[in-house]
Protein backbone atom coordinates (compact mmCIF):
# COMPACT_ATOMS: atom_id res chain seq x y z
CA MET A 1 11.87 -44.66 7.21
CA PRO A 2 11.13 -43.59 4.03
CA ILE A 3 10.23 -39.59 5.19
CA SER A 4 12.39 -37.02 6.20
CA TYR A 5 12.67 -33.44 7.12
CA ASP A 6 15.04 -30.55 7.00
CA ILE A 7 13.97 -27.16 9.03
CA ASP A 8 16.34 -23.82 7.50
CA PRO A 9 15.21 -20.97 10.08
CA LYS A 10 17.16 -18.75 7.89
CA GLY A 11 15.36 -19.39 4.88
CA ARG A 12 12.08 -20.18 6.44
CA LEU A 13 11.65 -23.28 5.07
CA VAL A 14 10.28 -26.97 5.85
CA THR A 15 11.79 -29.71 3.19
CA SER A 16 9.86 -32.84 3.15
CA ARG A 17 11.19 -35.91 1.44
CA LEU A 18 9.50 -39.08 0.78
CA TRP A 19 10.26 -42.24 -0.97
CA GLY A 20 9.71 -46.11 -1.87
CA GLY A 21 6.68 -47.26 -0.09
CA VAL A 22 5.39 -44.90 2.34
CA THR A 23 2.79 -46.18 5.00
CA GLU A 24 -0.15 -44.47 6.59
CA ASP A 25 2.45 -44.70 9.87
CA GLU A 26 5.32 -43.21 8.54
CA VAL A 27 2.80 -40.50 7.56
CA LEU A 28 1.51 -39.59 10.99
CA ASP A 29 4.77 -40.15 12.55
CA HIS A 30 6.33 -37.77 10.32
CA ASN A 31 3.35 -34.90 11.01
CA LYS A 32 3.95 -35.47 14.56
CA ARG A 33 7.87 -35.16 14.63
CA LEU A 34 7.71 -32.01 12.67
CA ARG A 35 4.75 -30.24 14.35
CA THR A 36 6.21 -30.99 17.74
CA ASP A 37 10.39 -30.27 16.71
CA PRO A 38 11.28 -27.01 18.49
CA ARG A 39 12.22 -25.42 15.44
CA PHE A 40 9.39 -26.15 13.51
CA ASP A 41 7.28 -22.70 12.97
CA PRO A 42 3.92 -22.46 11.25
CA SER A 43 4.66 -19.50 9.45
CA TYR A 44 7.12 -21.58 7.09
CA ARG A 45 6.52 -22.57 3.58
CA GLN A 46 7.13 -26.09 3.37
CA LEU A 47 8.58 -27.68 0.22
CA VAL A 48 7.09 -31.65 -0.23
CA ASP A 49 9.21 -33.93 -2.36
CA MET A 50 7.27 -36.68 -3.20
CA THR A 51 8.91 -37.86 -6.46
CA GLY A 52 11.12 -40.94 -5.17
CA ILE A 53 7.66 -43.01 -3.93
CA THR A 54 7.48 -45.82 -6.12
CA LYS A 55 4.57 -47.64 -3.80
CA ILE A 56 1.52 -45.62 -2.91
CA LEU A 57 0.37 -47.71 0.50
CA VAL A 58 -1.67 -44.61 1.66
CA GLY A 59 -5.29 -44.66 1.13
CA THR A 60 -8.26 -42.25 0.94
CA LYS A 61 -9.31 -42.63 4.28
CA MET A 62 -6.06 -41.04 5.30
CA ILE A 63 -5.44 -38.34 3.20
CA ASN A 64 -8.71 -36.91 4.22
CA GLU A 65 -8.42 -37.30 7.98
CA THR A 66 -5.15 -35.43 7.31
CA SER A 67 -5.71 -32.68 5.14
CA LEU A 68 -8.00 -31.53 7.71
CA ASP A 69 -4.88 -32.14 10.49
CA GLN A 70 -3.21 -28.96 9.31
CA PHE A 71 -0.37 -27.59 11.91
CA PHE A 72 0.75 -24.73 9.41
CA ASN A 73 -0.49 -21.56 9.45
CA PRO A 74 -3.58 -20.56 6.98
CA GLY A 75 -2.26 -18.90 3.65
CA THR A 76 1.59 -20.08 4.18
CA ARG A 77 2.77 -21.21 1.27
CA ARG A 78 3.31 -25.90 0.63
CA ALA A 79 4.72 -26.81 -2.61
CA PHE A 80 4.17 -30.42 -3.27
CA ILE A 81 6.44 -32.35 -6.45
CA ALA A 82 5.03 -35.63 -7.76
CA THR A 83 5.40 -36.78 -11.25
CA GLU A 84 3.74 -40.19 -10.94
CA ASP A 85 0.09 -39.81 -11.73
CA GLY A 86 -0.90 -41.84 -8.94
CA VAL A 87 0.88 -39.70 -6.02
CA PHE A 88 0.28 -36.27 -7.96
CA GLY A 89 -3.59 -37.74 -7.59
CA MET A 90 -3.16 -38.64 -4.15
CA ALA A 91 -1.28 -34.82 -3.50
CA ARG A 92 -4.44 -32.93 -5.53
CA MET A 93 -7.14 -34.97 -3.08
CA PHE A 94 -4.97 -33.63 -0.08
CA ALA A 95 -4.75 -30.01 -1.31
CA LEU A 96 -8.18 -29.54 -2.26
CA ARG A 97 -9.68 -31.12 0.63
CA ALA A 98 -7.15 -28.54 3.20
CA GLU A 99 -8.31 -25.71 1.01
CA GLY A 100 -10.94 -25.60 2.78
CA LEU A 101 -9.21 -24.93 5.87
CA GLY A 102 -7.03 -22.01 4.07
CA GLN A 103 -4.62 -23.91 3.47
CA THR A 104 -2.47 -22.62 0.21
CA ILE A 105 -0.86 -25.87 -1.18
CA GLU A 106 0.04 -26.18 -5.03
CA VAL A 107 1.12 -29.73 -6.68
CA PHE A 108 3.92 -29.37 -9.26
CA ARG A 109 5.13 -32.08 -11.50
CA GLU A 110 8.82 -29.96 -11.52
CA ARG A 111 10.95 -28.96 -8.67
CA ARG A 112 11.73 -25.70 -10.38
CA LYS A 113 8.29 -24.62 -10.77
CA ALA A 114 7.98 -25.74 -7.22
CA GLU A 115 10.61 -23.78 -6.30
CA GLU A 116 9.60 -20.71 -7.98
CA TRP A 117 6.02 -20.63 -6.85
CA LEU A 118 7.37 -20.80 -3.41
CA GLY A 119 10.28 -18.17 -3.98
CA ILE A 120 13.17 -20.21 -3.22
């Protein structure tokens, strides 16, 4: 599966990584596994590395639906990293829609800047 995550309780950080061609079913599966993982805490920050995505297989309808299904606490910082323009645009669309639910998501092109913003 081209999506993985790691939960660091000591650092209070969830790191998700996406690579290759990620499908809508894989995104839904990732979200389900993460939100039901007993180690998950919705107040943890999140770093989402999308720099390895090579093909966009997720549509705008899916982006809209998942942006409304938030399981991180409002105000919790979440940083998405996307270097490819299409992936960056999809991540920005997700972030803008999720902001309406109190989510705090920023999209970056550089990992260093994302980590600085998260305080790691």
